[in-house]
């Protein structure tokens, strides 16, 4: 495993666990915007959260 692969693994795991982009960026020494561009929506957990948010928004609109 290369250093870059290890950094990617660590960042993905922290973001999947719900850690903020700012915290992960600080730990890895990246800017938050660079981290967001690289990791935003790239993990299965991130995709599932986005879909769940859409589904929740849809059910909230239907509620009386």
PDB file of N, CA and C in Angstrom:
ATOM      1  N   UNK A   1       0.853  -1.173   0.000  1.00  0.00           N
ATOM      2  CA  UNK A   1       0.000   0.000   0.000  1.00  0.00           C
ATOM      3  C   UNK A   1       0.901   1.238   0.000  1.00  0.00           C
ATOM      4  N   UNK A   2       0.589   2.168  -0.885  1.00  0.00           N
ATOM      5  CA  UNK A   2       1.369   3.403  -0.953  1.00  0.00           C
ATOM      6  C   UNK A   2       0.858   4.396   0.083  1.00  0.00           C
ATOM      7  N   UNK A   3       1.626   5.445   0.308  1.00  0.00           N
ATOM      8  CA  UNK A   3       1.220   6.481   1.250  1.00  0.00           C
ATOM      9  C   UNK A   3      -0.074   7.151   0.777  1.00  0.00           C
ATOM     10  N   UNK A   4      -0.182   7.409  -0.521  1.00  0.00           N
ATOM     11  CA  UNK A   4      -1.389   8.038  -1.062  1.00  0.00           C
ATOM     12  C   UNK A   4      -2.621   7.144  -0.868  1.00  0.00           C
ATOM     13  N   UNK A   5      -2.461   5.844  -1.056  1.00  0.00           N
ATOM     14  CA  UNK A   5      -3.571   4.912  -0.825  1.00  0.00           C
ATOM     15  C   UNK A   5      -3.972   4.892   0.647  1.00  0.00           C
ATOM     16  N   UNK A   6      -2.993   4.954   1.530  1.00  0.00           N
ATOM     17  CA  UNK A   6      -3.271   4.980   2.962  1.00  0.00           C
ATOM     18  C   UNK A   6      -4.017   6.254   3.351  1.00  0.00           C
ATOM     19  N   UNK A   7      -3.597   7.398   2.802  1.00  0.00           N
ATOM     20  CA  UNK A   7      -4.286   8.669   3.067  1.00  0.00           C
ATOM     21  C   UNK A   7      -5.725   8.614   2.557  1.00  0.00           C
ATOM     22  N   UNK A   8      -5.911   8.061   1.361  1.00  0.00           N
ATOM     23  CA  UNK A   8      -7.252   7.947   0.790  1.00  0.00           C
ATOM     24  C   UNK A   8      -8.128   7.049   1.665  1.00  0.00           C
ATOM     25  N   UNK A   9      -7.586   5.923   2.094  1.00  0.00           N
ATOM     26  CA  UNK A   9      -8.321   4.995   2.956  1.00  0.00           C
ATOM     27  C   UNK A   9      -8.719   5.679   4.259  1.00  0.00           C
ATOM     28  N   UNK A  10      -7.765   6.380   4.879  1.00  0.00           N
ATOM     29  CA  UNK A  10      -8.038   7.048   6.156  1.00  0.00           C
ATOM     30  C   UNK A  10      -9.100   8.131   5.980  1.00  0.00           C
ATOM     31  N   UNK A  11      -8.970   8.936   4.927  1.00  0.00           N
ATOM     32  CA  UNK A  11      -9.942  10.003   4.687  1.00  0.00           C
ATOM     33  C   UNK A  11     -11.331   9.429   4.448  1.00  0.00           C
ATOM     34  N   UNK A  12     -11.413   8.401   3.630  1.00  0.00           N
ATOM     35  CA  UNK A  12     -12.707   7.785   3.331  1.00  0.00           C
ATOM     36  C   UNK A  12     -13.346   7.227   4.588  1.00  0.00           C
ATOM     37  N   UNK A  13     -12.570   6.533   5.397  1.00  0.00           N
ATOM     38  CA  UNK A  13     -13.108   5.945   6.634  1.00  0.00           C
ATOM     39  C   UNK A  13     -13.597   7.035   7.599  1.00  0.00           C
ATOM     40  N   UNK A  14     -12.831   8.100   7.751  1.00  0.00           N
ATOM     41  CA  UNK A  14     -13.242   9.176   8.662  1.00  0.00           C
ATOM     42  C   UNK A  14     -14.514   9.863   8.163  1.00  0.00           C
ATOM     43  N   UNK A  15     -14.590  10.124   6.859  1.00  0.00           N
ATOM     44  CA  UNK A  15     -15.780  10.773   6.307  1.00  0.00           C
ATOM     45  C   UNK A  15     -16.996   9.855   6.405  1.00  0.00           C
ATOM     46  N   UNK A  16     -16.808   8.563   6.141  1.00  0.00           N
ATOM     47  CA  UNK A  16     -17.907   7.598   6.269  1.00  0.00           C
ATOM     48  C   UNK A  16     -18.408   7.501   7.700  1.00  0.00           C
ATOM     49  N   UNK A  17     -17.503   7.725   8.653  1.00  0.00           N
ATOM     50  CA  UNK A  17     -17.868   7.670  10.067  1.00  0.00           C
ATOM     51  C   UNK A  17     -18.564   8.953  10.522  1.00  0.00           C
ATOM     52  N   UNK A  18     -18.679   9.931   9.598  1.00  0.00           N
ATOM     53  CA  UNK A  18     -19.404  11.148   9.935  1.00  0.00           C
ATOM     54  C   UNK A  18     -18.541  12.312  10.364  1.00  0.00           C
ATOM     55  N   UNK A  19     -17.225  12.157  10.258  1.00  0.00           N
ATOM     56  CA  UNK A  19     -16.337  13.257  10.635  1.00  0.00           C
ATOM     57  C   UNK A  19     -16.481  14.384   9.619  1.00  0.00           C
ATOM     58  N   UNK A  20     -16.301  15.608  10.056  1.00  0.00           N
ATOM     59  CA  UNK A  20     -16.468  16.754   9.165  1.00  0.00           C
ATOM     60  C   UNK A  20     -15.295  16.845   8.189  1.00  0.00           C
ATOM     61  N   UNK A  21     -15.568  17.451   7.028  1.00  0.00           N
ATOM     62  CA  UNK A  21     -14.511  17.665   6.038  1.00  0.00           C
ATOM     63  C   UNK A  21     -13.390  18.513   6.629  1.00  0.00           C
ATOM     64  N   UNK A  22     -13.753  19.504   7.429  1.00  0.00           N
ATOM     65  CA  UNK A  22     -12.747  20.387   8.023  1.00  0.00           C
ATOM     66  C   UNK A  22     -11.794  19.619   8.923  1.00  0.00           C
ATOM     67  N   UNK A  23     -12.340  18.733   9.751  1.00  0.00           N
ATOM     68  CA  UNK A  23     -11.495  17.939  10.655  1.00  0.00           C
ATOM     69  C   UNK A  23     -10.572  17.016   9.878  1.00  0.00           C
ATOM     70  N   UNK A  24     -11.130  16.324   8.882  1.00  0.00           N
ATOM     71  CA  UNK A  24     -10.316  15.401   8.080  1.00  0.00           C
ATOM     72  C   UNK A  24      -9.242  16.185   7.318  1.00  0.00           C
ATOM     73  N   UNK A  25      -9.609  17.332   6.774  1.00  0.00           N
ATOM     74  CA  UNK A  25      -8.631  18.164   6.059  1.00  0.00           C
ATOM     75  C   UNK A  25      -7.510  18.601   6.996  1.00  0.00           C
ATOM     76  N   UNK A  26      -7.857  18.988   8.218  1.00  0.00           N
ATOM     77  CA  UNK A  26      -6.844  19.398   9.193  1.00  0.00           C
ATOM     78  C   UNK A  26      -5.904  18.247   9.517  1.00  0.00           C
ATOM     79  N   UNK A  27      -6.459  17.057   9.703  1.00  0.00           N
ATOM     80  CA  UNK A  27      -5.640  15.886  10.042  1.00  0.00           C
ATOM     81  C   UNK A  27      -4.685  15.543   8.896  1.00  0.00           C
ATOM     82  N   UNK A  28      -5.196  15.616   7.663  1.00  0.00           N
ATOM     83  CA  UNK A  28      -4.389  15.230   6.504  1.00  0.00           C
ATOM     84  C   UNK A  28      -3.526  16.362   5.961  1.00  0.00           C
ATOM     85  N   UNK A  29      -3.759  17.583   6.452  1.00  0.00           N
ATOM     86  CA  UNK A  29      -2.975  18.713   5.975  1.00  0.00           C
ATOM     87  C   UNK A  29      -3.422  19.218   4.614  1.00  0.00           C
ATOM     88  N   UNK A  30      -4.693  19.010   4.278  1.00  0.00           N
ATOM     89  CA  UNK A  30      -5.256  19.486   3.015  1.00  0.00           C
ATOM     90  C   UNK A  30      -6.140  20.689   3.287  1.00  0.00           C
ATOM     91  N   UNK A  31      -6.512  21.386   2.221  1.00  0.00           N
ATOM     92  CA  UNK A  31      -7.530  22.413   2.378  1.00  0.00           C
ATOM     93  C   UNK A  31      -8.885  21.715   2.329  1.00  0.00           C
ATOM     94  N   UNK A  32      -9.851  22.296   2.998  1.00  0.00           N
ATOM     95  CA  UNK A  32     -11.187  21.700   3.030  1.00  0.00           C
ATOM     96  C   UNK A  32     -11.786  21.627   1.625  1.00  0.00           C
ATOM     97  N   UNK A  33     -11.581  22.657   0.816  1.00  0.00           N
ATOM     98  CA  UNK A  33     -12.163  22.659  -0.525  1.00  0.00           C
ATOM     99  C   UNK A  33     -11.548  21.576  -1.402  1.00  0.00           C
ATOM    100  N   UNK A  34     -10.251  21.358  -1.284  1.00  0.00           N
ATOM    101  CA  UNK A  34      -9.600  20.291  -2.045  1.00  0.00           C
ATOM    102  C   UNK A  34     -10.142  18.933  -1.627  1.00  0.00           C
ATOM    103  N   UNK A  35     -10.313  18.748  -0.338  1.00  0.00           N
ATOM    104  CA  UNK A  35     -10.824  17.480   0.165  1.00  0.00           C
ATOM    105  C   UNK A  35     -12.249  17.242  -0.328  1.00  0.00           C
ATOM    106  N   UNK A  36     -13.074  18.270  -0.282  1.00  0.00           N
ATOM    107  CA  UNK A  36     -14.458  18.144  -0.764  1.00  0.00           C
ATOM    108  C   UNK A  36     -14.502  17.777  -2.241  1.00  0.00           C
ATOM    109  N   UNK A  37     -13.667  18.423  -3.041  1.00  0.00           N
ATOM    110  CA  UNK A  37     -13.638  18.121  -4.470  1.00  0.00           C
ATOM    111  C   UNK A  37     -13.266  16.668  -4.727  1.00  0.00           C
ATOM    112  N   UNK A  38     -12.351  16.153  -3.935  1.00  0.00           N
ATOM    113  CA  UNK A  38     -11.857  14.792  -4.153  1.00  0.00           C
ATOM    114  C   UNK A  38     -12.783  13.720  -3.580  1.00  0.00           C
ATOM    115  N   UNK A  39     -13.388  13.968  -2.444  1.00  0.00           N
ATOM    116  CA  UNK A  39     -14.121  12.921  -1.746  1.00  0.00           C
ATOM    117  C   UNK A  39     -15.630  13.085  -1.710  1.00  0.00           C
ATOM    118  N   UNK A  40     -16.142  14.261  -2.018  1.00  0.00           N
ATOM    119  CA  UNK A  40     -17.575  14.504  -1.887  1.00  0.00           C
ATOM    120  C   UNK A  40     -18.377  13.549  -2.762  1.00  0.00           C
ATOM    121  N   UNK A  41     -19.179  12.707  -2.133  1.00  0.00           N
ATOM    122  CA  UNK A  41     -20.051  11.792  -2.857  1.00  0.00           C
ATOM    123  C   UNK A  41     -19.368  10.589  -3.466  1.00  0.00           C
ATOM    124  N   UNK A  42     -18.102  10.337  -3.138  1.00  0.00           N
ATOM    125  CA  UNK A  42     -17.384   9.231  -3.769  1.00  0.00           C
ATOM    126  C   UNK A  42     -17.556   7.905  -3.057  1.00  0.00           C
ATOM    127  N   UNK A  43     -18.063   7.905  -1.850  1.00  0.00           N
ATOM    128  CA  UNK A  43     -18.177   6.652  -1.118  1.00  0.00           C
ATOM    129  C   UNK A  43     -19.613   6.158  -1.150  1.00  0.00           C
ATOM    130  N   UNK A  44     -19.790   4.866  -0.960  1.00  0.00           N
ATOM    131  CA  UNK A  44     -21.136   4.292  -0.916  1.00  0.00           C
ATOM    132  C   UNK A  44     -21.945   4.903   0.218  1.00  0.00           C
ATOM    133  N   UNK A  45     -21.303   5.124   1.352  1.00  0.00           N
ATOM    134  CA  UNK A  45     -22.006   5.711   2.488  1.00  0.00           C
ATOM    135  C   UNK A  45     -22.494   7.107   2.124  1.00  0.00           C
ATOM    136  N   UNK A  46     -21.654   7.885   1.466  1.00  0.00           N
ATOM    137  CA  UNK A  46     -22.045   9.223   1.040  1.00  0.00           C
ATOM    138  C   UNK A  46     -23.210   9.191   0.068  1.00  0.00           C
ATOM    139  N   UNK A  47     -23.195   8.246  -0.848  1.00  0.00           N
ATOM    140  CA  UNK A  47     -24.296   8.116  -1.807  1.00  0.00           C
ATOM    141  C   UNK A  47     -25.585   7.720  -1.094  1.00  0.00           C
ATOM    142  N   UNK A  48     -25.472   6.777  -0.156  1.00  0.00           N
ATOM    143  CA  UNK A  48     -26.671   6.338   0.587  1.00  0.00           C
ATOM    144  C   UNK A  48     -27.248   7.490   1.400  1.00  0.00           C
ATOM    145  N   UNK A  49     -26.399   8.314   2.012  1.00  0.00           N
ATOM    146  CA  UNK A  49     -26.880   9.467   2.772  1.00  0.00           C
ATOM    147  C   UNK A  49     -27.609  10.454   1.869  1.00  0.00           C
ATOM    148  N   UNK A  50     -27.060  10.675   0.678  1.00  0.00           N
ATOM    149  CA  UNK A  50     -27.686  11.615  -0.257  1.00  0.00           C
ATOM    150  C   UNK A  50     -29.053  11.107  -0.698  1.00  0.00           C
ATOM    151  N   UNK A  51     -29.163   9.830  -0.991  1.00  0.00           N
ATOM    152  CA  UNK A  51     -30.438   9.240  -1.400  1.00  0.00           C
ATOM    153  C   UNK A  51     -31.435   9.291  -0.257  1.00  0.00           C
ATOM    154  N   UNK A  52     -30.985   8.975   0.953  1.00  0.00           N
ATOM    155  CA  UNK A  52     -31.871   9.020   2.118  1.00  0.00           C
ATOM    156  C   UNK A  52     -32.384  10.440   2.360  1.00  0.00           C
ATOM    157  N   UNK A  53     -31.539  11.431   2.161  1.00  0.00           N
ATOM    158  CA  UNK A  53     -31.960  12.824   2.342  1.00  0.00           C
ATOM    159  C   UNK A  53     -33.033  13.194   1.331  1.00  0.00           C
ATOM    160  N   UNK A  54     -32.874  12.729   0.103  1.00  0.00           N
ATOM    161  CA  UNK A  54     -33.895  12.985  -0.917  1.00  0.00           C
ATOM    162  C   UNK A  54     -35.211  12.306  -0.563  1.00  0.00           C
ATOM    163  N   UNK A  55     -35.120  11.080  -0.099  1.00  0.00           N
ATOM    164  CA  UNK A  55     -36.330  10.345   0.270  1.00  0.00           C
ATOM    165  C   UNK A  55     -37.038  11.010   1.445  1.00  0.00           C
ATOM    166  N   UNK A  56     -36.255  11.494   2.422  1.00  0.00           N
ATOM    167  CA  UNK A  56     -36.859  12.172   3.574  1.00  0.00           C
ATOM    168  C   UNK A  56     -37.534  13.465   3.144  1.00  0.00           C
ATOM    169  N   UNK A  57     -36.899  14.195   2.250  1.00  0.00           N
ATOM    170  CA  UNK A  57     -37.475  15.451   1.766  1.00  0.00           C
ATOM    171  C   UNK A  57     -38.785  15.174   1.034  1.00  0.00           C
ATOM    172  N   UNK A  58     -38.819  14.089   0.300  1.00  0.00           N
ATOM    173  CA  UNK A  58     -40.015  13.713  -0.447  1.00  0.00           C
ATOM    174  C   UNK A  58     -41.165  13.357   0.499  1.00  0.00           C
ATOM    175  N   UNK A  59     -40.868  12.605   1.567  1.00  0.00           N
ATOM    176  CA  UNK A  59     -41.922  12.222   2.519  1.00  0.00           C
ATOM    177  C   UNK A  59     -42.373  13.412   3.360  1.00  0.00           C
ATOM    178  N   UNK A  60     -41.483  14.353   3.626  1.00  0.00           N
ATOM    179  CA  UNK A  60     -41.876  15.547   4.383  1.00  0.00           C
ATOM    180  C   UNK A  60     -42.827  16.418   3.575  1.00  0.00           C
ATOM    181  N   UNK A  61     -42.647  16.463   2.268  1.00  0.00           N
ATOM    182  CA  UNK A  61     -43.539  17.236   1.403  1.00  0.00           C
ATOM    183  C   UNK A  61     -44.927  16.622   1.365  1.00  0.00           C
ATOM    184  N   UNK A  62     -45.015  15.299   1.481  1.00  0.00           N
ATOM    185  CA  UNK A  62     -46.301  14.598   1.428  1.00  0.00           C
ATOM    186  C   UNK A  62     -47.063  14.676   2.732  1.00  0.00           C
ATOM    187  N   UNK A  63     -46.390  14.953   3.834  1.00  0.00           N
ATOM    188  CA  UNK A  63     -47.042  15.000   5.145  1.00  0.00           C
ATOM    189  C   UNK A  63     -48.028  16.168   5.196  1.00  0.00           C
ATOM    190  N   UNK A  64     -49.188  15.963   5.842  1.00  0.00           N
ATOM    191  CA  UNK A  64     -50.195  17.044   5.906  1.00  0.00           C
ATOM    192  C   UNK A  64     -49.772  18.176   6.804  1.00  0.00           C
TER     193      UNK A  64
END
